[in-house]
C-alpha cells in the first residue's frame, strides 16, 4: 500500500488569497405585478428548487398570537381545485418536497416534474381557500401540545421570557402564543392574513437548478401573471417597531424559578440596533466570533476549558433590519451559577476595554472566510445572498466583496464594535433555574434582582 510522504520541516503552501469572489449573479427580472424573480442556473443534476419569500414588516398578532405558524400549516389544507388529500397525493406521487410557512413556500422537484410542481405551487398561492375546519382543529390541538411541552423546556422558557424583556409584549418580537390566543384563531382570520400579505409586489421568487432564464420566464408568465398586486400597509407596520430599552446603565438579574431544574440556563444580553447595512457589520461579526463564536472563543475557553463550568458558552449578535440583539448563553450547575455570571461579565468587560490580539483576529478571519467560501458551493445560498442584498438595502457587490471586507477589518475596528454592541451597561442577566439553590449567592453579586414567571410576568 502506498502512503504519501510530507516534509514536515517545510511550512505548507499558502492558498492564493482571493479578495473578490467571482459569484455569478442570478438572472433577474421583474413581472408586471411586482413579483421579483431570480434564476440561478446549475445543470449538474436534473433538479429544480423554487422558493417564494415574502418581504414584510413584522406585525403584532395580539390576541391571535401564533397565527403565522398556524397559517403556514394551513396553506396546504386545500385550494379551489384540490382538497388537502388530493394535494398530498399528487405531491407524494411525483416525489416533490413541499414546505410552507407564513414567510413563503418552497418546492424541490425532479426536472421532469417541474411543470406539475409549479402548478401546485401556483394553485396554493393564488387559490388557497382556508375552509378546512377539520384541519384547523387538528393543527390547533397539536399547537396546544407544543405549548404544554414548551412550558417544561428551560430553553423555550428562556427564549420566551428573553423576548418579553428585550422587546416588550407589545412588540412583534416580544409576543408569544398561549392556549387562549391559539384557540382564538379562526378560518376567517387566516383568510384575511392571506389576502393582505400573500401578494406578488412584496415577494421574491427564486428558481435554482436545472433551468434557464427563458424557461423560468415562460413558467412565470403562465402560472403567476394572474397573481394580483395588493397593499399591506408596510409603512404603518414599520412605525410599530420601536423598542423601549432597559435604560438604567446598570445590570439587572431576572430570575425564573423552576424548582425541578438541577442546572441553570443563563442568558446575558440586550437589544441592539445591529443591521446588515451597519458600517461596522464585518468588524462586529468578527468581534462576536472572537467573544463567543465557537470552541476557540474567549467565552468557551474560559467557562469550559479553564473553569469546567459547562459544556459550552456562546454569544450571538443577531442582525435585523428592525432591531437586533446581543446575547451570551450557557448552562451550568446550580452551585456555580453566580461564578459563571461573574466570569461571563469579566470576559465581556475585558474585550470591551482591551484590544484583541492580532492572532485572535487572524484566526477568526480565516475561519469566517473559509466558511463563506464553502457556503457558496450550494446554489441555494447564492440566491439567498442576492435576496438578502435586495431586502436589506445593501450596496451592490456586498457579498462579492465579502472576503475583502472581512480581511480589511483592523484591531481598532474590532475594539470599536465591542464597545458599540457588547457593553454590559443596560444588560440583563436572565436565569432559568431553581431559586432556592442559586438566590443566596446571586444576592452577593450586588445587582438588583427581579422575579418573573414562565411567561415574563413580573412576580415580586
Protein backbone atom coordinates (compact mmCIF):
# COMPACT_ATOMS: atom_id res chain seq x y z
CA UNK A 1 0.00 0.00 0.00
CA UNK A 2 1.28 3.46 -0.90
CA UNK A 3 1.23 6.28 1.60
CA UNK A 4 2.11 9.87 0.59
CA UNK A 5 5.05 11.43 2.43
CA UNK A 6 5.39 15.01 3.63
CA UNK A 7 8.39 17.10 4.60
CA UNK A 8 7.24 18.37 7.96
CA UNK A 9 10.19 20.76 8.19
CA UNK A 10 8.65 22.89 5.45
CA UNK A 11 5.59 25.07 6.05
CA UNK A 12 2.52 24.19 3.99
CA UNK A 13 1.98 26.18 0.84
CA UNK A 14 -0.43 29.02 1.40
CA UNK A 15 -3.54 29.15 -0.70
CA UNK A 16 -3.82 32.08 -3.04
CA UNK A 17 -5.99 34.67 -1.36
CA UNK A 18 -8.99 35.97 -3.21
CA UNK A 19 -10.15 39.47 -2.35
CA UNK A 20 -13.18 39.41 -4.65
CA UNK A 21 -15.30 36.30 -5.19
CA UNK A 22 -16.46 35.58 -8.69
CA UNK A 23 -20.10 34.99 -7.82
CA UNK A 24 -22.14 34.86 -10.97
CA UNK A 25 -25.22 36.92 -10.11
CA UNK A 26 -28.61 35.31 -10.61
CA UNK A 27 -30.56 36.25 -13.70
CA UNK A 28 -33.14 38.77 -12.56
CA UNK A 29 -36.41 40.06 -13.93
CA UNK A 30 -39.49 41.72 -12.53
CA UNK A 31 -43.03 40.89 -13.56
CA UNK A 32 -45.74 43.49 -14.18
CA UNK A 33 -47.46 42.53 -10.92
CA UNK A 34 -44.29 43.41 -8.99
CA UNK A 35 -43.04 39.85 -8.42
CA UNK A 36 -39.23 39.85 -8.39
CA UNK A 37 -37.72 36.71 -9.92
CA UNK A 38 -34.18 35.32 -9.62
CA UNK A 39 -32.74 32.39 -11.57
CA UNK A 40 -29.58 30.52 -10.52
CA UNK A 41 -28.63 28.01 -13.19
CA UNK A 42 -26.93 24.77 -12.16
CA UNK A 43 -27.27 21.95 -14.68
CA UNK A 44 -25.21 19.29 -12.87
CA UNK A 45 -28.32 17.39 -11.77
CA UNK A 46 -31.89 17.29 -13.13
CA UNK A 47 -33.25 19.03 -10.04
CA UNK A 48 -35.00 22.37 -9.55
CA UNK A 49 -35.86 24.23 -6.36
CA UNK A 50 -38.44 27.01 -6.45
CA UNK A 51 -38.73 29.30 -3.46
CA UNK A 52 -41.14 32.11 -2.70
CA UNK A 53 -40.17 34.55 0.05
CA UNK A 54 -42.28 37.42 1.39
CA UNK A 55 -40.65 40.70 2.39
CA UNK A 56 -42.93 42.19 5.04
CA UNK A 57 -42.52 44.22 8.20
CA UNK A 58 -43.19 42.20 11.37
CA UNK A 59 -46.63 42.82 12.83
CA UNK A 60 -48.41 42.24 16.12
CA UNK A 61 -50.59 39.14 16.26
CA UNK A 62 -52.15 40.33 19.55
CA UNK A 63 -54.95 38.03 20.77
CA UNK A 64 -54.24 35.73 17.81
CA UNK A 65 -50.56 35.20 18.70
CA UNK A 66 -49.36 32.08 16.92
CA UNK A 67 -51.46 32.73 13.82
CA UNK A 68 -48.44 32.89 11.50
CA UNK A 69 -47.37 29.38 12.48
CA UNK A 70 -50.90 28.05 12.06
CA UNK A 71 -51.17 29.86 8.71
CA UNK A 72 -48.06 28.12 7.41
CA UNK A 73 -49.50 24.69 8.13
CA UNK A 74 -52.94 25.61 6.76
CA UNK A 75 -51.50 26.79 3.44
CA UNK A 76 -51.58 23.23 2.14
CA UNK A 77 -55.03 22.42 3.53
CA UNK A 78 -56.86 22.85 0.23
CA UNK A 79 -57.44 25.11 -2.78
CA UNK A 80 -60.26 25.83 -5.21
CA UNK A 81 -59.00 22.99 -7.38
CA UNK A 82 -57.71 20.41 -4.89
CA UNK A 83 -58.56 19.16 -1.42
CA UNK A 84 -55.79 18.64 1.11
CA UNK A 85 -55.86 14.91 0.43
CA UNK A 86 -55.53 15.46 -3.32
CA UNK A 87 -52.62 17.86 -2.84
CA UNK A 88 -50.83 15.37 -0.59
CA UNK A 89 -51.44 12.54 -3.06
CA UNK A 90 -50.08 14.50 -6.04
CA UNK A 91 -47.02 15.67 -4.11
CA UNK A 92 -46.25 12.14 -2.90
CA UNK A 93 -46.77 10.61 -6.35
CA UNK A 94 -44.27 12.89 -8.13
CA UNK A 95 -41.81 12.83 -5.23
CA UNK A 96 -41.81 16.59 -4.78
CA UNK A 97 -40.85 18.16 -1.46
CA UNK A 98 -43.17 21.00 -0.45
CA UNK A 99 -42.56 23.29 2.53
CA UNK A 100 -44.96 26.03 3.58
CA UNK A 101 -44.70 28.76 6.20
CA UNK A 102 -46.12 32.22 6.64
CA UNK A 103 -42.92 33.67 5.16
CA UNK A 104 -43.16 31.66 1.96
CA UNK A 105 -43.27 28.39 0.06
CA UNK A 106 -40.53 26.18 -1.36
CA UNK A 107 -40.66 23.20 -3.70
CA UNK A 108 -37.87 20.81 -4.68
CA UNK A 109 -38.51 18.54 -7.64
CA UNK A 110 -37.03 16.50 -10.45
CA UNK A 111 -36.87 18.50 -13.68
CA UNK A 112 -39.36 16.18 -15.40
CA UNK A 113 -41.97 17.06 -12.77
CA UNK A 114 -41.23 20.80 -12.76
CA UNK A 115 -44.38 21.80 -14.62
CA UNK A 116 -46.62 19.76 -12.32
CA UNK A 117 -44.83 21.01 -9.20
CA UNK A 118 -45.05 24.68 -10.12
CA UNK A 119 -48.73 24.26 -10.98
CA UNK A 120 -49.29 23.03 -7.41
CA UNK A 121 -47.30 25.95 -6.03
CA UNK A 122 -49.29 28.41 -8.14
CA UNK A 123 -52.57 26.84 -7.06
CA UNK A 124 -51.64 27.26 -3.39
CA UNK A 125 -50.50 30.85 -3.90
CA UNK A 126 -53.48 32.01 -5.93
CA UNK A 127 -56.33 29.75 -4.85
CA UNK A 128 -55.96 28.79 -1.17
CA UNK A 129 -59.39 28.56 0.44
CA UNK A 130 -58.80 28.26 4.20
CA UNK A 131 -62.12 26.46 4.62
CA UNK A 132 -60.85 23.18 6.08
CA UNK A 133 -62.13 23.44 9.66
CA UNK A 134 -61.20 19.84 10.46
CA UNK A 135 -57.55 20.53 9.58
CA UNK A 136 -57.56 23.76 11.61
CA UNK A 137 -58.83 21.89 14.67
CA UNK A 138 -56.09 19.30 14.22
CA UNK A 139 -53.37 21.96 13.95
CA UNK A 140 -54.66 23.85 16.99
CA UNK A 141 -54.67 20.66 19.08
CA UNK A 142 -51.06 20.00 18.09
CA UNK A 143 -50.08 23.60 18.88
CA UNK A 144 -51.59 23.25 22.35
CA UNK A 145 -49.49 20.13 22.91
CA UNK A 146 -46.42 22.07 21.75
CA UNK A 147 -47.21 24.92 24.15
CA UNK A 148 -47.58 22.46 27.02
CA UNK A 149 -44.19 20.92 26.22
CA UNK A 150 -42.54 24.35 25.93
CA UNK A 151 -43.63 25.23 29.47
CA UNK A 152 -41.34 22.45 30.74
CA UNK A 153 -38.37 23.24 28.49
CA UNK A 154 -35.87 25.70 30.06
CA UNK A 155 -34.57 26.76 26.65
CA UNK A 156 -38.08 27.55 25.40
CA UNK A 157 -38.85 29.42 28.62
CA UNK A 158 -35.63 31.39 28.31
CA UNK A 159 -36.36 32.37 24.72
CA UNK A 160 -39.91 33.45 25.54
CA UNK A 161 -39.00 35.50 28.63
CA UNK A 162 -35.90 36.95 26.96
CA UNK A 163 -38.00 38.29 24.09
CA UNK A 164 -40.51 39.83 26.50
CA UNK A 165 -37.73 41.52 28.48
CA UNK A 166 -35.82 42.72 25.42
CA UNK A 167 -38.71 43.92 23.29
CA UNK A 168 -41.86 44.06 25.42
CA UNK A 169 -45.15 42.22 24.94
CA UNK A 170 -46.47 44.96 22.67
CA UNK A 171 -43.72 44.38 20.11
CA UNK A 172 -43.87 41.76 17.32
CA UNK A 173 -40.68 40.15 18.62
CA UNK A 174 -41.91 40.04 22.23
CA UNK A 175 -45.37 38.50 21.99
CA UNK A 176 -45.89 34.75 22.34
CA UNK A 177 -48.62 32.19 21.77
CA UNK A 178 -50.79 30.83 24.58
CA UNK A 179 -53.68 28.39 24.81
CA UNK A 180 -56.14 31.27 24.53
CA UNK A 181 -54.50 33.03 21.57
CA UNK A 182 -54.24 29.78 19.60
CA UNK A 183 -57.89 28.92 20.30
CA UNK A 184 -58.88 32.41 19.12
CA UNK A 185 -57.68 31.73 15.56
CA UNK A 186 -60.48 31.25 13.04
CA UNK A 187 -60.61 30.36 9.35
CA UNK A 188 -61.69 33.93 8.63
CA UNK A 189 -58.57 35.26 10.39
CA UNK A 190 -56.41 33.12 8.13
CA UNK A 191 -58.24 34.30 5.01
CA UNK A 192 -57.67 37.95 5.97
CA UNK A 193 -53.97 37.32 6.51
CA UNK A 194 -53.73 35.51 3.17
CA UNK A 195 -55.35 38.30 1.18
CA UNK A 196 -53.31 41.00 2.93
CA UNK A 197 -49.81 39.51 2.81
CA UNK A 198 -49.74 36.93 0.04
CA UNK A 199 -49.26 39.44 -2.76
CA UNK A 200 -46.64 39.49 -5.53
CA UNK A 201 -45.33 43.03 -5.05
CA UNK A 202 -43.69 42.16 -1.71
CA UNK A 203 -42.44 38.75 -2.87
CA UNK A 204 -39.28 37.20 -4.30
CA UNK A 205 -39.44 34.04 -6.41
CA UNK A 206 -36.23 32.08 -6.96
CA UNK A 207 -35.51 29.25 -9.41
CA UNK A 208 -32.38 27.24 -8.61
CA UNK A 209 -31.01 24.29 -10.55
CA UNK A 210 -31.56 22.76 -13.97
CA UNK A 211 -33.49 25.63 -15.51
CA UNK A 212 -32.74 28.60 -17.78
CA UNK A 213 -33.96 32.17 -17.52
CA UNK A 214 -36.09 31.66 -20.61
CA UNK A 215 -37.79 28.61 -19.07
CA UNK A 216 -38.38 30.49 -15.82
CA UNK A 217 -39.94 33.44 -17.64
CA UNK A 218 -42.26 31.16 -19.55
CA UNK A 219 -43.37 29.41 -16.35
CA UNK A 220 -43.86 32.71 -14.52
CA UNK A 221 -45.94 34.16 -17.34
CA UNK A 222 -48.15 31.09 -17.35
CA UNK A 223 -48.53 30.46 -13.61
CA UNK A 224 -48.03 33.80 -11.83
CA UNK A 225 -49.12 36.58 -14.21
CA UNK A 226 -52.70 36.43 -12.85
CA UNK A 227 -51.47 36.95 -9.28
CA UNK A 228 -52.82 40.40 -8.40
CA UNK A 229 -50.99 43.21 -6.63
CA UNK A 230 -52.09 44.29 -3.19
CA UNK A 231 -51.28 46.60 -0.28
CA UNK A 232 -50.40 45.51 3.26
CA UNK A 233 -49.67 48.91 4.88
CA UNK A 234 -45.95 48.27 5.32
CA UNK A 235 -45.34 51.86 6.44
CA UNK A 236 -47.77 51.53 9.34
CA UNK A 237 -46.16 48.29 10.49
CA UNK A 238 -42.72 49.93 10.46
CA UNK A 239 -43.88 52.63 12.88
CA UNK A 240 -44.70 49.95 15.48
CA UNK A 241 -41.17 48.58 15.66
CA UNK A 242 -39.80 50.90 18.36
CA UNK A 243 -38.32 49.18 21.40
CA UNK A 244 -38.42 50.55 24.92
CA UNK A 245 -34.92 49.72 26.16
CA UNK A 246 -33.88 48.91 29.72
CA UNK A 247 -32.02 52.24 30.08
CA UNK A 248 -30.70 52.24 33.64
CA UNK A 249 -26.95 51.99 32.93
CA UNK A 250 -26.92 49.10 35.39
CA UNK A 251 -27.01 45.32 35.17
CA UNK A 252 -30.17 43.58 36.33
CA UNK A 253 -30.74 39.93 37.26
CA UNK A 254 -34.06 38.45 36.12
CA UNK A 255 -34.95 35.13 37.75
CA UNK A 256 -37.47 32.49 36.64
CA UNK A 257 -37.89 29.81 39.30
CA UNK A 258 -38.28 26.24 38.04
CA UNK A 259 -37.93 24.04 41.17
CA UNK A 260 -37.40 20.82 39.21
CA UNK A 261 -34.21 22.01 37.49
CA UNK A 262 -30.77 20.82 38.59
CA UNK A 263 -28.92 23.35 36.46
CA UNK A 264 -29.29 26.99 35.48
CA UNK A 265 -29.79 28.23 31.95
CA UNK A 266 -28.18 31.67 31.74
CA UNK A 267 -28.58 34.42 29.18
CA UNK A 268 -26.91 37.82 29.36
CA UNK A 269 -27.75 40.44 26.79
CA UNK A 270 -29.87 43.27 25.45
CA UNK A 271 -31.47 44.55 22.22
CA UNK A 272 -29.05 46.39 19.93
CA UNK A 273 -29.54 48.31 16.65
CA UNK A 274 -27.43 45.91 14.57
CA UNK A 275 -28.25 45.70 10.86
CA UNK A 276 -26.50 44.22 7.84
CA UNK A 277 -26.08 47.68 6.35
CA UNK A 278 -24.34 48.90 9.51
CA UNK A 279 -20.86 50.30 8.64
CA UNK A 280 -19.45 48.10 11.42
CA UNK A 281 -21.15 44.91 10.22
CA UNK A 282 -17.99 42.98 9.29
CA UNK A 283 -15.95 44.07 12.30
CA UNK A 284 -18.90 43.24 14.54
CA UNK A 285 -19.39 39.67 13.30
CA UNK A 286 -15.65 39.13 13.75
CA UNK A 287 -15.81 40.61 17.25
CA UNK A 288 -18.67 38.29 18.17
CA UNK A 289 -16.75 35.34 16.75
CA UNK A 290 -13.78 36.13 18.97
CA UNK A 291 -16.02 36.58 22.01
CA UNK A 292 -18.30 33.56 21.69
CA UNK A 293 -18.27 32.07 18.22
CA UNK A 294 -17.12 28.53 18.83
CA UNK A 295 -14.62 26.31 20.70
CA UNK A 296 -11.72 28.77 20.27
CA UNK A 297 -13.70 31.78 21.51
CA UNK A 298 -12.98 33.54 24.79
CA UNK A 299 -16.23 32.51 26.47
CA UNK A 300 -15.80 28.85 25.54
CA UNK A 301 -12.16 28.72 26.59
CA UNK A 302 -12.89 30.40 29.91
CA UNK A 303 -16.12 28.75 31.06
CA UNK A 304 -15.47 25.27 29.65
CA UNK A 305 -11.75 24.71 29.17
CA UNK A 306 -10.45 26.74 32.11
CA UNK A 307 -13.25 26.58 34.69
CA UNK A 308 -15.13 23.43 33.58
CA UNK A 309 -18.46 25.06 34.45
CA UNK A 310 -20.24 23.97 31.28
CA UNK A 311 -20.14 22.02 28.04
CA UNK A 312 -20.30 25.24 26.06
CA UNK A 313 -20.74 29.01 26.17
CA UNK A 314 -21.63 31.09 23.14
CA UNK A 315 -22.58 34.58 22.09
CA UNK A 316 -24.95 35.77 19.38
CA UNK A 317 -25.00 39.16 17.68
CA UNK A 318 -28.26 38.99 15.76
CA UNK A 319 -28.68 41.37 12.84
CA UNK A 320 -32.17 42.51 11.90
CA UNK A 321 -33.29 45.39 9.72
CA UNK A 322 -35.65 46.49 12.51
CA UNK A 323 -33.87 45.70 15.79
CA UNK A 324 -31.31 43.03 16.64
CA UNK A 325 -29.90 41.74 19.92
CA UNK A 326 -26.70 40.65 21.64
CA UNK A 327 -26.82 37.62 23.94
CA UNK A 328 -24.49 35.20 25.72
CA UNK A 329 -25.77 31.70 26.56
CA UNK A 330 -24.64 28.86 28.76
CA UNK A 331 -25.94 26.15 31.10
CA UNK A 332 -24.22 25.40 34.41
CA UNK A 333 -24.95 23.50 37.61
CA UNK A 334 -26.87 25.43 40.26
CA UNK A 335 -23.84 25.53 42.54
CA UNK A 336 -21.70 27.62 40.17
CA UNK A 337 -24.39 29.89 38.71
CA UNK A 338 -23.05 33.03 40.39
CA UNK A 339 -19.45 32.18 39.46
CA UNK A 340 -20.38 31.63 35.82
CA UNK A 341 -22.12 35.01 35.73
CA UNK A 342 -19.02 36.69 37.16
CA UNK A 343 -16.85 35.10 34.51
CA UNK A 344 -19.23 35.96 31.66
CA UNK A 345 -19.25 39.61 32.69
CA UNK A 346 -15.48 39.61 33.17
CA UNK A 347 -14.88 38.23 29.67
CA UNK A 348 -17.24 40.80 28.14
CA UNK A 349 -15.74 43.72 30.05
CA UNK A 350 -12.23 42.63 29.08
CA UNK A 351 -13.00 42.56 25.36
CA UNK A 352 -14.68 45.98 25.54
CA UNK A 353 -11.78 47.59 27.41
CA UNK A 354 -8.77 45.92 25.79
CA UNK A 355 -7.95 45.36 22.13
CA UNK A 356 -7.89 41.78 20.85
CA UNK A 357 -4.63 40.20 19.67
CA UNK A 358 -3.67 40.01 16.00
CA UNK A 359 -3.51 36.21 16.35
CA UNK A 360 -7.14 36.00 17.53
CA UNK A 361 -8.29 38.27 14.74
CA UNK A 362 -6.41 36.42 12.01
CA UNK A 363 -7.71 33.02 13.16
CA UNK A 364 -11.30 34.26 13.12
CA UNK A 365 -10.85 35.94 9.72
CA UNK A 366 -9.64 32.67 8.19
CA UNK A 367 -12.49 30.75 9.80
CA UNK A 368 -15.23 33.10 8.57
CA UNK A 369 -13.75 33.42 5.08
CA UNK A 370 -13.38 29.65 4.79
CA UNK A 371 -16.95 29.02 5.86
CA UNK A 372 -18.25 31.63 3.44
CA UNK A 373 -16.42 30.02 0.51
CA UNK A 374 -17.82 26.60 1.48
CA UNK A 375 -21.33 28.02 1.67
CA UNK A 376 -21.08 29.25 -1.90
CA UNK A 377 -20.85 25.67 -3.14
CA UNK A 378 -24.61 25.49 -2.52
CA UNK A 379 -26.56 27.24 -5.33
CA UNK A 380 -29.39 27.89 -2.87
CA UNK A 381 -27.01 30.01 -0.84
CA UNK A 382 -26.22 32.21 -3.84
CA UNK A 383 -29.90 33.00 -4.30
CA UNK A 384 -30.27 33.73 -0.57
CA UNK A 385 -27.37 36.20 -0.67
CA UNK A 386 -28.76 38.23 -3.53
CA UNK A 387 -32.23 38.32 -1.98
CA UNK A 388 -30.56 39.48 1.24
CA UNK A 389 -28.87 42.33 -0.67
CA UNK A 390 -32.23 43.47 -2.00
CA UNK A 391 -34.22 43.06 1.22
CA UNK A 392 -31.65 44.79 3.42
CA UNK A 393 -30.82 47.63 1.01
CA UNK A 394 -27.19 46.51 0.87
CA UNK A 395 -24.77 48.05 -1.62
CA UNK A 396 -24.33 46.17 -4.88
CA UNK A 397 -21.44 43.72 -4.53
CA UNK A 398 -21.85 43.41 -0.75
CA UNK A 399 -21.28 39.66 -0.88
CA UNK A 400 -18.99 39.72 -3.91
CA UNK A 401 -16.58 41.80 -1.81
CA UNK A 402 -17.25 39.80 1.36
CA UNK A 403 -13.75 38.33 1.70
CA UNK A 404 -12.07 41.68 1.17
CA UNK A 405 -14.41 43.31 3.69
CA UNK A 406 -13.53 40.68 6.30
CA UNK A 407 -9.79 40.82 5.64
CA UNK A 408 -9.65 44.61 5.80
CA UNK A 409 -11.00 44.74 9.38
CA UNK A 410 -8.41 46.07 11.84
CA UNK A 411 -7.88 45.53 15.55
CA UNK A 412 -9.14 49.08 16.14
CA UNK A 413 -12.32 48.26 14.19
CA UNK A 414 -12.91 45.27 16.47
CA UNK A 415 -12.37 47.43 19.54
CA UNK A 416 -14.95 49.95 18.30
CA UNK A 417 -17.53 47.22 17.60
CA UNK A 418 -17.05 45.65 21.03
CA UNK A 419 -17.65 49.00 22.70
CA UNK A 420 -20.66 49.69 20.49
CA UNK A 421 -22.54 46.42 20.97
CA UNK A 422 -21.10 44.45 23.91
CA UNK A 423 -21.14 46.99 26.75
CA UNK A 424 -22.56 45.44 29.92
CA UNK A 425 -24.49 48.64 30.65
CA UNK A 426 -28.25 48.10 30.41
CA UNK A 427 -27.62 44.35 30.21
CA UNK A 428 -29.98 41.79 31.69
CA UNK A 429 -28.91 38.51 33.26
CA UNK A 430 -31.78 36.08 32.75
CA UNK A 431 -31.63 32.86 34.76
CA UNK A 432 -33.96 29.88 34.38
CA UNK A 433 -33.24 27.69 37.40
CA UNK A 434 -34.02 26.65 40.97
CA UNK A 435 -34.37 29.81 43.04
CA UNK A 436 -33.66 28.21 46.44
CA UNK A 437 -30.30 26.90 45.24
CA UNK A 438 -28.99 29.98 43.46
CA UNK A 439 -30.57 33.04 45.10
CA UNK A 440 -28.30 33.37 48.18
CA UNK A 441 -25.15 33.63 46.06
CA UNK A 442 -26.86 35.77 43.41
CA UNK A 443 -27.65 38.38 46.07
CA UNK A 444 -23.94 38.63 46.84
CA UNK A 445 -23.28 39.88 43.29
CA UNK A 446 -24.91 43.16 44.28
CA UNK A 447 -27.20 43.59 41.29
CA UNK A 448 -30.93 44.30 41.58
CA UNK A 449 -32.96 41.08 41.23
CA UNK A 450 -36.46 40.76 39.81
CA UNK A 451 -38.59 37.63 39.61
CA UNK A 452 -40.73 36.54 36.67
CA UNK A 453 -43.00 33.66 35.78
CA UNK A 454 -42.50 31.43 32.71
CA UNK A 455 -44.25 34.00 30.51
CA UNK A 456 -42.33 37.11 31.50
CA UNK A 457 -44.89 38.40 34.03
CA UNK A 458 -43.19 40.10 36.97
CA UNK A 459 -43.91 38.41 40.31
CA UNK A 460 -42.20 40.34 43.07
